[in-house]
Amino acid sequence: AIFLVSFQEPIDPVPHNSLRIAQPETAAVNPESGKIYPNPNNGTMSFSYELPVASKGMLVLYDISGRHVDRFILKEGQNIQQISEENLENGIYFYRFVIDEQEINSGKFVIVK
């Protein structure tokens, strides 16, 4: 039996009178960049991304306990990184898409074998 669980992230509203701190800007990145699909999956996943020229990018995977599972150095340009579930157990995992030491996107994915 396969059970799919959906999670909804809580939203932390910022009060209108609070101070907002500007974040350093990285070169323009497509907002659809940095997604793992299919999700959930039971085989090879794909991570589509766009890495600006002269930037350094990395995809980091963590298990549910926060333990580092794998890391991929990404190439410049618009690419797809293939990720095999071969070394991953059933469960929920998290990923971070980092460009020039700044997190661009993060999320979770599920392995169901």
PDB file of N, CA and C in Angstrom:
ATOM      1  N   ALA A   1       0.837  -1.176   0.000  1.00  0.00           N
ATOM      2  CA  ALA A   1       0.000   0.000   0.000  1.00  0.00           C
ATOM      3  C   ALA A   1       0.882   1.240   0.000  1.00  0.00           C
ATOM      4  N   ILE A   2       0.485   2.215  -0.747  1.00  0.00           N
ATOM      5  CA  ILE A   2       1.218   3.476  -0.818  1.00  0.00           C
ATOM      6  C   ILE A   2       0.363   4.547  -0.174  1.00  0.00           C
ATOM      7  N   PHE A   3       0.951   5.262   0.779  1.00  0.00           N
ATOM      8  CA  PHE A   3       0.268   6.349   1.450  1.00  0.00           C
ATOM      9  C   PHE A   3       0.955   7.650   1.081  1.00  0.00           C
ATOM     10  N   LEU A   4       0.206   8.612   0.615  1.00  0.00           N
ATOM     11  CA  LEU A   4       0.751   9.921   0.296  1.00  0.00           C
ATOM     12  C   LEU A   4       0.325  10.888   1.382  1.00  0.00           C
ATOM     13  N   VAL A   5       1.285  11.627   1.884  1.00  0.00           N
ATOM     14  CA  VAL A   5       1.013  12.587   2.940  1.00  0.00           C
ATOM     15  C   VAL A   5       1.334  13.965   2.405  1.00  0.00           C
ATOM     16  N   SER A   6       0.450  14.894   2.609  1.00  0.00           N
ATOM     17  CA  SER A   6       0.659  16.264   2.158  1.00  0.00           C
ATOM     18  C   SER A   6       0.969  17.136   3.358  1.00  0.00           C
ATOM     19  N   PHE A   7       1.970  18.005   3.216  1.00  0.00           N
ATOM     20  CA  PHE A   7       2.352  18.915   4.284  1.00  0.00           C
ATOM     21  C   PHE A   7       2.124  20.335   3.809  1.00  0.00           C
ATOM     22  N   GLN A   8       1.641  21.164   4.690  1.00  0.00           N
ATOM     23  CA  GLN A   8       1.464  22.565   4.363  1.00  0.00           C
ATOM     24  C   GLN A   8       2.360  23.367   5.291  1.00  0.00           C
ATOM     25  N   GLU A   9       3.216  24.180   4.707  1.00  0.00           N
ATOM     26  CA  GLU A   9       4.160  24.969   5.488  1.00  0.00           C
ATOM     27  C   GLU A   9       3.433  26.129   6.160  1.00  0.00           C
ATOM     28  N   PRO A  10       3.722  26.401   7.437  1.00  0.00           N
ATOM     29  CA  PRO A  10       3.102  27.558   8.096  1.00  0.00           C
ATOM     30  C   PRO A  10       3.648  28.857   7.510  1.00  0.00           C
ATOM     31  N   ILE A  11       2.834  29.883   7.526  1.00  0.00           N
ATOM     32  CA  ILE A  11       3.249  31.186   7.023  1.00  0.00           C
ATOM     33  C   ILE A  11       3.457  32.111   8.210  1.00  0.00           C
ATOM     34  N   ASP A  12       4.634  32.724   8.274  1.00  0.00           N
ATOM     35  CA  ASP A  12       4.930  33.691   9.325  1.00  0.00           C
ATOM     36  C   ASP A  12       4.708  35.083   8.769  1.00  0.00           C
ATOM     37  N   PRO A  13       3.593  35.726   9.093  1.00  0.00           N
ATOM     38  CA  PRO A  13       3.360  37.073   8.577  1.00  0.00           C
ATOM     39  C   PRO A  13       4.327  38.066   9.216  1.00  0.00           C
ATOM     40  N   VAL A  14       4.747  39.040   8.432  1.00  0.00           N
ATOM     41  CA  VAL A  14       5.631  40.085   8.933  1.00  0.00           C
ATOM     42  C   VAL A  14       4.773  41.298   9.242  1.00  0.00           C
ATOM     43  N   PRO A  15       4.752  41.764  10.497  1.00  0.00           N
ATOM     44  CA  PRO A  15       3.942  42.942  10.828  1.00  0.00           C
ATOM     45  C   PRO A  15       4.347  44.141   9.980  1.00  0.00           C
ATOM     46  N   HIS A  16       3.380  44.987   9.667  1.00  0.00           N
ATOM     47  CA  HIS A  16       3.655  46.144   8.809  1.00  0.00           C
ATOM     48  C   HIS A  16       4.633  47.128   9.440  1.00  0.00           C
ATOM     49  N   ASN A  17       4.720  47.160  10.752  1.00  0.00           N
ATOM     50  CA  ASN A  17       5.625  48.112  11.398  1.00  0.00           C
ATOM     51  C   ASN A  17       6.993  47.511  11.709  1.00  0.00           C
ATOM     52  N   SER A  18       7.268  46.294  11.229  1.00  0.00           N
ATOM     53  CA  SER A  18       8.560  45.671  11.525  1.00  0.00           C
ATOM     54  C   SER A  18       9.617  46.110  10.508  1.00  0.00           C
ATOM     55  N   LEU A  19      10.839  46.018  10.907  1.00  0.00           N
ATOM     56  CA  LEU A  19      11.966  46.378  10.055  1.00  0.00           C
ATOM     57  C   LEU A  19      12.295  45.207   9.144  1.00  0.00           C
ATOM     58  N   ARG A  20      12.403  45.456   7.868  1.00  0.00           N
ATOM     59  CA  ARG A  20      12.786  44.404   6.921  1.00  0.00           C
ATOM     60  C   ARG A  20      14.236  44.621   6.543  1.00  0.00           C
ATOM     61  N   ILE A  21      15.008  43.546   6.584  1.00  0.00           N
ATOM     62  CA  ILE A  21      16.432  43.619   6.257  1.00  0.00           C
ATOM     63  C   ILE A  21      16.615  43.130   4.832  1.00  0.00           C
ATOM     64  N   ALA A  22      17.249  43.943   4.012  1.00  0.00           N
ATOM     65  CA  ALA A  22      17.473  43.585   2.611  1.00  0.00           C
ATOM     66  C   ALA A  22      18.478  42.450   2.528  1.00  0.00           C
ATOM     67  N   GLN A  23      18.172  41.454   1.686  1.00  0.00           N
ATOM     68  CA  GLN A  23      19.067  40.332   1.455  1.00  0.00           C
ATOM     69  C   GLN A  23      19.935  40.653   0.245  1.00  0.00           C
ATOM     70  N   PRO A  24      21.194  40.203   0.237  1.00  0.00           N
ATOM     71  CA  PRO A  24      22.020  40.416  -0.949  1.00  0.00           C
ATOM     72  C   PRO A  24      21.397  39.684  -2.137  1.00  0.00           C
ATOM     73  N   GLU A  25      21.429  40.317  -3.278  1.00  0.00           N
ATOM     74  CA  GLU A  25      20.801  39.725  -4.447  1.00  0.00           C
ATOM     75  C   GLU A  25      21.800  38.911  -5.233  1.00  0.00           C
ATOM     76  N   THR A  26      21.360  37.740  -5.679  1.00  0.00           N
ATOM     77  CA  THR A  26      22.140  36.890  -6.561  1.00  0.00           C
ATOM     78  C   THR A  26      21.654  37.195  -7.966  1.00  0.00           C
ATOM     79  N   ALA A  27      22.443  36.837  -8.974  1.00  0.00           N
ATOM     80  CA  ALA A  27      22.021  37.053 -10.349  1.00  0.00           C
ATOM     81  C   ALA A  27      20.630  36.474 -10.543  1.00  0.00           C
ATOM     82  N   ALA A  28      19.875  37.071 -11.445  1.00  0.00           N
ATOM     83  CA  ALA A  28      18.483  36.658 -11.648  1.00  0.00           C
ATOM     84  C   ALA A  28      18.383  35.161 -11.902  1.00  0.00           C
ATOM     85  N   VAL A  29      17.480  34.522 -11.189  1.00  0.00           N
ATOM     86  CA  VAL A  29      17.260  33.087 -11.316  1.00  0.00           C
ATOM     87  C   VAL A  29      15.783  32.858 -11.605  1.00  0.00           C
ATOM     88  N   ASN A  30      15.506  31.996 -12.536  1.00  0.00           N
ATOM     89  CA  ASN A  30      14.142  31.645 -12.883  1.00  0.00           C
ATOM     90  C   ASN A  30      13.444  31.097 -11.641  1.00  0.00           C
ATOM     91  N   PRO A  31      12.262  31.617 -11.274  1.00  0.00           N
ATOM     92  CA  PRO A  31      11.583  31.148 -10.062  1.00  0.00           C
ATOM     93  C   PRO A  31      11.179  29.675 -10.124  1.00  0.00           C
ATOM     94  N   GLU A  32      11.078  29.100 -11.314  1.00  0.00           N
ATOM     95  CA  GLU A  32      10.753  27.675 -11.448  1.00  0.00           C
ATOM     96  C   GLU A  32      11.999  26.811 -11.313  1.00  0.00           C
ATOM     97  N   SER A  33      13.150  27.441 -11.231  1.00  0.00           N
ATOM     98  CA  SER A  33      14.400  26.709 -11.106  1.00  0.00           C
ATOM     99  C   SER A  33      14.510  26.099  -9.716  1.00  0.00           C
ATOM    100  N   GLY A  34      15.073  24.923  -9.654  1.00  0.00           N
ATOM    101  CA  GLY A  34      15.319  24.306  -8.367  1.00  0.00           C
ATOM    102  C   GLY A  34      14.199  23.436  -7.855  1.00  0.00           C
ATOM    103  N   LYS A  35      13.621  22.618  -8.704  1.00  0.00           N
ATOM    104  CA  LYS A  35      12.534  21.730  -8.312  1.00  0.00           C
ATOM    105  C   LYS A  35      12.933  20.283  -8.584  1.00  0.00           C
ATOM    106  N   ILE A  36      12.558  19.390  -7.657  1.00  0.00           N
ATOM    107  CA  ILE A  36      12.779  17.959  -7.849  1.00  0.00           C
ATOM    108  C   ILE A  36      11.457  17.348  -8.306  1.00  0.00           C
ATOM    109  N   TYR A  37      11.528  16.530  -9.341  1.00  0.00           N
ATOM    110  CA  TYR A  37      10.326  15.868  -9.849  1.00  0.00           C
ATOM    111  C   TYR A  37      10.691  14.501 -10.393  1.00  0.00           C
ATOM    112  N   PRO A  38       9.821  13.516 -10.506  1.00  0.00           N
ATOM    113  CA  PRO A  38       8.496  13.512  -9.905  1.00  0.00           C
ATOM    114  C   PRO A  38       8.597  13.393  -8.396  1.00  0.00           C
ATOM    115  N   ASN A  39       7.559  13.779  -7.716  1.00  0.00           N
ATOM    116  CA  ASN A  39       7.563  13.769  -6.258  1.00  0.00           C
ATOM    117  C   ASN A  39       6.157  13.437  -5.776  1.00  0.00           C
ATOM    118  N   PRO A  40       5.934  12.318  -5.109  1.00  0.00           N
ATOM    119  CA  PRO A  40       6.891  11.281  -4.700  1.00  0.00           C
ATOM    120  C   PRO A  40       7.347  10.463  -5.900  1.00  0.00           C
ATOM    121  N   ASN A  41       8.398   9.680  -5.696  1.00  0.00           N
ATOM    122  CA  ASN A  41       8.889   8.857  -6.790  1.00  0.00           C
ATOM    123  C   ASN A  41       9.464   7.547  -6.279  1.00  0.00           C
ATOM    124  N   ASN A  42       9.742   6.652  -7.211  1.00  0.00           N
ATOM    125  CA  ASN A  42      10.303   5.354  -6.857  1.00  0.00           C
ATOM    126  C   ASN A  42      11.448   4.968  -7.783  1.00  0.00           C
ATOM    127  N   GLY A  43      12.106   5.938  -8.335  1.00  0.00           N
ATOM    128  CA  GLY A  43      13.210   5.676  -9.257  1.00  0.00           C
ATOM    129  C   GLY A  43      14.100   6.886  -9.371  1.00  0.00           C
ATOM    130  N   THR A  44      14.490   7.205 -10.587  1.00  0.00           N
ATOM    131  CA  THR A  44      15.356   8.347 -10.815  1.00  0.00           C
ATOM    132  C   THR A  44      14.553   9.643 -10.779  1.00  0.00           C
ATOM    133  N   MET A  45      15.064  10.605 -10.033  1.00  0.00           N
ATOM    134  CA  MET A  45      14.445  11.930  -9.948  1.00  0.00           C
ATOM    135  C   MET A  45      15.238  12.879 -10.826  1.00  0.00           C
ATOM    136  N   SER A  46      14.640  13.971 -11.163  1.00  0.00           N
ATOM    137  CA  SER A  46      15.312  15.023 -11.912  1.00  0.00           C
ATOM    138  C   SER A  46      15.217  16.314 -11.120  1.00  0.00           C
ATOM    139  N   PHE A  47      16.304  17.074 -11.148  1.00  0.00           N
ATOM    140  CA  PHE A  47      16.357  18.382 -10.505  1.00  0.00           C
ATOM    141  C   PHE A  47      16.670  19.379 -11.603  1.00  0.00           C
ATOM    142  N   SER A  48      15.669  20.169 -11.994  1.00  0.00           N
ATOM    143  CA  SER A  48      15.897  21.159 -13.046  1.00  0.00           C
ATOM    144  C   SER A  48      16.311  22.467 -12.397  1.00  0.00           C
ATOM    145  N   TYR A  49      17.276  23.122 -13.003  1.00  0.00           N
ATOM    146  CA  TYR A  49      17.778  24.362 -12.428  1.00  0.00           C
ATOM    147  C   TYR A  49      18.398  25.237 -13.503  1.00  0.00           C
ATOM    148  N   GLU A  50      18.590  26.487 -13.140  1.00  0.00           N
ATOM    149  CA  GLU A  50      19.295  27.440 -13.990  1.00  0.00           C
ATOM    150  C   GLU A  50      20.345  28.126 -13.127  1.00  0.00           C
ATOM    151  N   LEU A  51      21.597  27.993 -13.526  1.00  0.00           N
ATOM    152  CA  LEU A  51      22.713  28.570 -12.775  1.00  0.00           C
ATOM    153  C   LEU A  51      23.355  29.661 -13.621  1.00  0.00           C
ATOM    154  N   PRO A  52      23.315  30.918 -13.143  1.00  0.00           N
ATOM    155  CA  PRO A  52      23.899  32.017 -13.916  1.00  0.00           C
ATOM    156  C   PRO A  52      25.395  31.809 -14.185  1.00  0.00           C
ATOM    157  N   VAL A  53      25.869  32.413 -15.279  1.00  0.00           N
ATOM    158  CA  VAL A  53      27.277  32.342 -15.656  1.00  0.00           C
ATOM    159  C   VAL A  53      28.141  32.907 -14.529  1.00  0.00           C
ATOM    160  N   ALA A  54      29.275  32.284 -14.291  1.00  0.00           N
ATOM    161  CA  ALA A  54      30.250  32.687 -13.272  1.00  0.00           C
ATOM    162  C   ALA A  54      29.724  32.510 -11.846  1.00  0.00           C
ATOM    163  N   SER A  55      28.699  31.669 -11.668  1.00  0.00           N
ATOM    164  CA  SER A  55      28.179  31.384 -10.332  1.00  0.00           C
ATOM    165  C   SER A  55      28.535  29.953  -9.948  1.00  0.00           C
ATOM    166  N   LYS A  56      28.578  29.709  -8.654  1.00  0.00           N
ATOM    167  CA  LYS A  56      28.822  28.358  -8.146  1.00  0.00           C
ATOM    168  C   LYS A  56      27.530  27.862  -7.516  1.00  0.00           C
ATOM    169  N   GLY A  57      27.102  26.664  -7.907  1.00  0.00           N
ATOM    170  CA  GLY A  57      25.854  26.124  -7.409  1.00  0.00           C
ATOM    171  C   GLY A  57      26.014  24.739  -6.827  1.00  0.00           C
ATOM    172  N   MET A  58      25.113  24.412  -5.908  1.00  0.00           N
ATOM    173  CA  MET A  58      25.165  23.133  -5.238  1.00  0.00           C
ATOM    174  C   MET A  58      23.738  22.704  -4.871  1.00  0.00           C
ATOM    175  N   LEU A  59      23.500  21.409  -4.952  1.00  0.00           N
ATOM    176  CA  LEU A  59      22.259  20.802  -4.488  1.00  0.00           C
ATOM    177  C   LEU A  59      22.639  19.893  -3.330  1.00  0.00           C
ATOM    178  N   VAL A  60      22.029  20.109  -2.171  1.00  0.00           N
ATOM    179  CA  VAL A  60      22.360  19.328  -0.972  1.00  0.00           C
ATOM    180  C   VAL A  60      21.103  18.604  -0.512  1.00  0.00           C
ATOM    181  N   LEU A  61      21.239  17.291  -0.228  1.00  0.00           N
ATOM    182  CA  LEU A  61      20.128  16.470   0.224  1.00  0.00           C
ATOM    183  C   LEU A  61      20.318  16.080   1.682  1.00  0.00           C
ATOM    184  N   TYR A  62      19.202  16.098   2.452  1.00  0.00           N
ATOM    185  CA  TYR A  62      19.210  15.744   3.877  1.00  0.00           C
ATOM    186  C   TYR A  62      18.089  14.749   4.138  1.00  0.00           C
ATOM    187  N   ASP A  63      18.280  13.869   5.117  1.00  0.00           N
ATOM    188  CA  ASP A  63      17.185  12.984   5.508  1.00  0.00           C
ATOM    189  C   ASP A  63      16.309  13.694   6.528  1.00  0.00           C
ATOM    190  N   ILE A  64      15.269  13.015   6.992  1.00  0.00           N
ATOM    191  CA  ILE A  64      14.285  13.623   7.897  1.00  0.00           C
ATOM    192  C   ILE A  64      14.906  14.067   9.217  1.00  0.00           C
ATOM    193  N   SER A  65      16.023  13.434   9.622  1.00  0.00           N
ATOM    194  CA  SER A  65      16.676  13.799  10.878  1.00  0.00           C
ATOM    195  C   SER A  65      17.671  14.954  10.696  1.00  0.00           C
ATOM    196  N   GLY A  66      17.820  15.443   9.449  1.00  0.00           N
ATOM    197  CA  GLY A  66      18.738  16.549   9.194  1.00  0.00           C
ATOM    198  C   GLY A  66      20.144  16.101   8.829  1.00  0.00           C
ATOM    199  N   ARG A  67      20.348  14.792   8.707  1.00  0.00           N
ATOM    200  CA  ARG A  67      21.663  14.251   8.350  1.00  0.00           C
ATOM    201  C   ARG A  67      21.921  14.465   6.864  1.00  0.00           C
ATOM    202  N   HIS A  68      23.111  14.967   6.533  1.00  0.00           N
ATOM    203  CA  HIS A  68      23.521  15.176   5.142  1.00  0.00           C
ATOM    204  C   HIS A  68      23.567  13.824   4.429  1.00  0.00           C
ATOM    205  N   VAL A  69      22.893  13.710   3.281  1.00  0.00           N
ATOM    206  CA  VAL A  69      22.814  12.450   2.543  1.00  0.00           C
ATOM    207  C   VAL A  69      23.659  12.492   1.275  1.00  0.00           C
ATOM    208  N   ASP A  70      23.593  13.587   0.536  1.00  0.00           N
ATOM    209  CA  ASP A  70      24.340  13.692  -0.722  1.00  0.00           C
ATOM    210  C   ASP A  70      24.485  15.150  -1.108  1.00  0.00           C
ATOM    211  N   ARG A  71      25.424  15.405  -2.022  1.00  0.00           N
ATOM    212  CA  ARG A  71      25.693  16.766  -2.496  1.00  0.00           C
ATOM    213  C   ARG A  71      26.086  16.690  -3.963  1.00  0.00           C
ATOM    214  N   PHE A  72      25.571  17.609  -4.754  1.00  0.00           N
ATOM    215  CA  PHE A  72      25.883  17.665  -6.172  1.00  0.00           C
ATOM    216  C   PHE A  72      26.382  19.059  -6.514  1.00  0.00           C
ATOM    217  N   ILE A  73      27.527  19.136  -7.184  1.00  0.00           N
ATOM    218  CA  ILE A  73      28.033  20.412  -7.695  1.00  0.00           C
ATOM    219  C   ILE A  73      27.354  20.625  -9.045  1.00  0.00           C
ATOM    220  N   LEU A  74      26.766  21.792  -9.244  1.00  0.00           N
ATOM    221  CA  LEU A  74      25.969  22.066 -10.434  1.00  0.00           C
ATOM    222  C   LEU A  74      26.751  22.865 -11.473  1.00  0.00           C
ATOM    223  N   LYS A  75      26.410  22.650 -12.740  1.00  0.00           N
ATOM    224  CA  LYS A  75      27.066  23.327 -13.862  1.00  0.00           C
ATOM    225  C   LYS A  75      26.297  24.592 -14.223  1.00  0.00           C
ATOM    226  N   GLU A  76      27.015  25.555 -14.805  1.00  0.00           N
ATOM    227  CA  GLU A  76      26.387  26.801 -15.252  1.00  0.00           C
ATOM    228  C   GLU A  76      25.366  26.529 -16.350  1.00  0.00           C
ATOM    229  N   GLY A  77      24.385  27.414 -16.440  1.00  0.00           N
ATOM    230  CA  GLY A  77      23.389  27.325 -17.496  1.00  0.00           C
ATOM    231  C   GLY A  77      22.133  26.625 -17.039  1.00  0.00           C
ATOM    232  N   GLN A  78      21.276  26.334 -17.994  1.00  0.00           N
ATOM    233  CA  GLN A  78      20.024  25.642 -17.710  1.00  0.00           C
ATOM    234  C   GLN A  78      20.286  24.154 -17.868  1.00  0.00           C
ATOM    235  N   ASN A  79      20.095  23.386 -16.778  1.00  0.00           N
ATOM    236  CA  ASN A  79      20.457  21.982 -16.763  1.00  0.00           C
ATOM    237  C   ASN A  79      19.455  21.154 -15.981  1.00  0.00           C
ATOM    238  N   ILE A  80      19.653  19.839 -16.068  1.00  0.00           N
ATOM    239  CA  ILE A  80      18.893  18.888 -15.268  1.00  0.00           C
ATOM    240  C   ILE A  80      19.892  17.933 -14.626  1.00  0.00           C
ATOM    241  N   GLN A  81      19.850  17.832 -13.303  1.00  0.00           N
ATOM    242  CA  GLN A  81      20.697  16.908 -12.548  1.00  0.00           C
ATOM    243  C   GLN A  81      19.866  15.666 -12.244  1.00  0.00           C
ATOM    244  N   GLN A  82      20.327  14.495 -12.669  1.00  0.00           N
ATOM    245  CA  GLN A  82      19.639  13.239 -12.366  1.00  0.00           C
ATOM    246  C   GLN A  82      20.069  12.756 -10.984  1.00  0.00           C
ATOM    247  N   ILE A  83      19.108  12.298 -10.191  1.00  0.00           N
ATOM    248  CA  ILE A  83      19.375  11.810  -8.838  1.00  0.00           C
ATOM    249  C   ILE A  83      18.757  10.425  -8.722  1.00  0.00           C
ATOM    250  N   SER A  84      19.554   9.435  -8.367  1.00  0.00           N
ATOM    251  CA  SER A  84      19.045   8.080  -8.217  1.00  0.00           C
ATOM    252  C   SER A  84      18.639   7.839  -6.772  1.00  0.00           C
ATOM    253  N   GLU A  85      17.547   7.129  -6.582  1.00  0.00           N
ATOM    254  CA  GLU A  85      17.094   6.790  -5.238  1.00  0.00           C
ATOM    255  C   GLU A  85      17.793   5.535  -4.731  1.00  0.00           C
ATOM    256  N   GLU A  86      18.735   5.022  -5.514  1.00  0.00           N
ATOM    257  CA  GLU A  86      19.426   3.775  -5.193  1.00  0.00           C
ATOM    258  C   GLU A  86      19.978   3.736  -3.772  1.00  0.00           C
ATOM    259  N   ASN A  87      20.560   4.826  -3.305  1.00  0.00           N
ATOM    260  CA  ASN A  87      21.156   4.868  -1.966  1.00  0.00           C
ATOM    261  C   ASN A  87      20.236   5.497  -0.915  1.00  0.00           C
ATOM    262  N   LEU A  88      18.978   5.708  -1.273  1.00  0.00           N
ATOM    263  CA  LEU A  88      18.039   6.341  -0.354  1.00  0.00           C
ATOM    264  C   LEU A  88      16.974   5.336   0.093  1.00  0.00           C
ATOM    265  N   GLU A  89      16.657   5.352   1.370  1.00  0.00           N
ATOM    266  CA  GLU A  89      15.596   4.501   1.931  1.00  0.00           C
ATOM    267  C   GLU A  89      14.243   5.152   1.675  1.00  0.00           C
ATOM    268  N   ASN A  90      13.171   4.406   1.898  1.00  0.00           N
ATOM    269  CA  ASN A  90      11.833   5.004   1.872  1.00  0.00           C
ATOM    270  C   ASN A  90      11.787   6.127   2.890  1.00  0.00           C
ATOM    271  N   GLY A  91      11.117   7.203   2.564  1.00  0.00           N
ATOM    272  CA  GLY A  91      10.953   8.263   3.543  1.00  0.00           C
ATOM    273  C   GLY A  91      10.912   9.643   2.943  1.00  0.00           C
ATOM    274  N   ILE A  92      10.948  10.618   3.825  1.00  0.00           N
ATOM    275  CA  ILE A  92      10.888  12.034   3.458  1.00  0.00           C
ATOM    276  C   ILE A  92      12.306  12.599   3.515  1.00  0.00           C
ATOM    277  N   TYR A  93      12.655  13.379   2.505  1.00  0.00           N
ATOM    278  CA  TYR A  93      13.965  14.011   2.413  1.00  0.00           C
ATOM    279  C   TYR A  93      13.780  15.497   2.120  1.00  0.00           C
ATOM    280  N   PHE A  94      14.799  16.253   2.421  1.00  0.00           N
ATOM    281  CA  PHE A  94      14.796  17.690   2.166  1.00  0.00           C
ATOM    282  C   PHE A  94      15.961  18.027   1.254  1.00  0.00           C
ATOM    283  N   TYR A  95      15.807  19.081   0.477  1.00  0.00           N
ATOM    284  CA  TYR A  95      16.901  19.539  -0.382  1.00  0.00           C
ATOM    285  C   TYR A  95      17.053  21.046  -0.266  1.00  0.00           C
ATOM    286  N   ARG A  96      18.278  21.500  -0.540  1.00  0.00           N
ATOM    287  CA  ARG A  96      18.595  22.932  -0.595  1.00  0.00           C
ATOM    288  C   ARG A  96      19.311  23.196  -1.909  1.00  0.00           C
ATOM    289  N   PHE A  97      18.859  24.196  -2.641  1.00  0.00           N
ATOM    290  CA  PHE A  97      19.495  24.649  -3.871  1.00  0.00           C
ATOM    291  C   PHE A  97      20.218  25.938  -3.520  1.00  0.00           C
ATOM    292  N   VAL A  98      21.541  25.925  -3.626  1.00  0.00           N
ATOM    293  CA  VAL A  98      22.370  27.046  -3.182  1.00  0.00           C
ATOM    294  C   VAL A  98      23.165  27.592  -4.365  1.00  0.00           C
ATOM    295  N   ILE A  99      23.121  28.911  -4.550  1.00  0.00           N
ATOM    296  CA  ILE A  99      23.943  29.588  -5.554  1.00  0.00           C
ATOM    297  C   ILE A  99      24.782  30.625  -4.829  1.00  0.00           C
ATOM    298  N   ASP A 100      26.089  30.553  -5.039  1.00  0.00           N
ATOM    299  CA  ASP A 100      27.030  31.504  -4.432  1.00  0.00           C
ATOM    300  C   ASP A 100      26.758  31.663  -2.930  1.00  0.00           C
ATOM    301  N   GLU A 101      26.629  30.527  -2.251  1.00  0.00           N
ATOM    302  CA  GLU A 101      26.444  30.450  -0.801  1.00  0.00           C
ATOM    303  C   GLU A 101      25.137  31.067  -0.298  1.00  0.00           C
ATOM    304  N   GLN A 102      24.168  31.278  -1.187  1.00  0.00           N
ATOM    305  CA  GLN A 102      22.864  31.804  -0.799  1.00  0.00           C
ATOM    306  C   GLN A 102      21.791  30.791  -1.208  1.00  0.00           C
ATOM    307  N   GLU A 103      20.929  30.416  -0.251  1.00  0.00           N
ATOM    308  CA  GLU A 103      19.862  29.469  -0.565  1.00  0.00           C
ATOM    309  C   GLU A 103      18.849  30.120  -1.493  1.00  0.00           C
ATOM    310  N   ILE A 104      18.619  29.463  -2.638  1.00  0.00           N
ATOM    311  CA  ILE A 104      17.689  29.978  -3.636  1.00  0.00           C
ATOM    312  C   ILE A 104      16.336  29.294  -3.505  1.00  0.00           C
ATOM    313  N   ASN A 105      16.378  28.003  -3.249  1.00  0.00           N
ATOM    314  CA  ASN A 105      15.149  27.238  -3.154  1.00  0.00           C
ATOM    315  C   ASN A 105      15.400  26.043  -2.236  1.00  0.00           C
ATOM    316  N   SER A 106      14.361  25.600  -1.582  1.00  0.00           N
ATOM    317  CA  SER A 106      14.449  24.396  -0.760  1.00  0.00           C
ATOM    318  C   SER A 106      13.099  23.718  -0.797  1.00  0.00           C
ATOM    319  N   GLY A 107      13.095  22.470  -0.418  1.00  0.00           N
ATOM    320  CA  GLY A 107      11.831  21.747  -0.435  1.00  0.00           C
ATOM    321  C   GLY A 107      12.012  20.349   0.099  1.00  0.00           C
ATOM    322  N   LYS A 108      10.986  19.550  -0.092  1.00  0.00           N
ATOM    323  CA  LYS A 108      11.057  18.170   0.349  1.00  0.00           C
ATOM    324  C   LYS A 108      10.570  17.254  -0.745  1.00  0.00           C
ATOM    325  N   PHE A 109      11.013  16.004  -0.672  1.00  0.00           N
ATOM    326  CA  PHE A 109      10.577  15.001  -1.619  1.00  0.00           C
ATOM    327  C   PHE A 109      10.425  13.688  -0.882  1.00  0.00           C
ATOM    328  N   VAL A 110       9.664  12.768  -1.473  1.00  0.00           N
ATOM    329  CA  VAL A 110       9.340  11.519  -0.828  1.00  0.00           C
ATOM    330  C   VAL A 110       9.804  10.358  -1.702  1.00  0.00           C
ATOM    331  N   ILE A 111      10.441   9.375  -1.086  1.00  0.00           N
ATOM    332  CA  ILE A 111      10.845   8.133  -1.750  1.00  0.00           C
ATOM    333  C   ILE A 111       9.889   7.037  -1.307  1.00  0.00           C
ATOM    334  N   VAL A 112       9.234   6.392  -2.269  1.00  0.00           N
ATOM    335  CA  VAL A 112       8.320   5.287  -2.003  1.00  0.00           C
ATOM    336  C   VAL A 112       8.744   4.149  -2.916  1.00  0.00           C
ATOM    337  N   LYS A 113       9.319   3.096  -2.348  1.00  0.00           N
ATOM    338  CA  LYS A 113       9.783   1.962  -3.159  1.00  0.00           C
ATOM    339  C   LYS A 113       8.769   0.844  -3.145  1.00  0.00           C
TER     340      LYS A 113
END
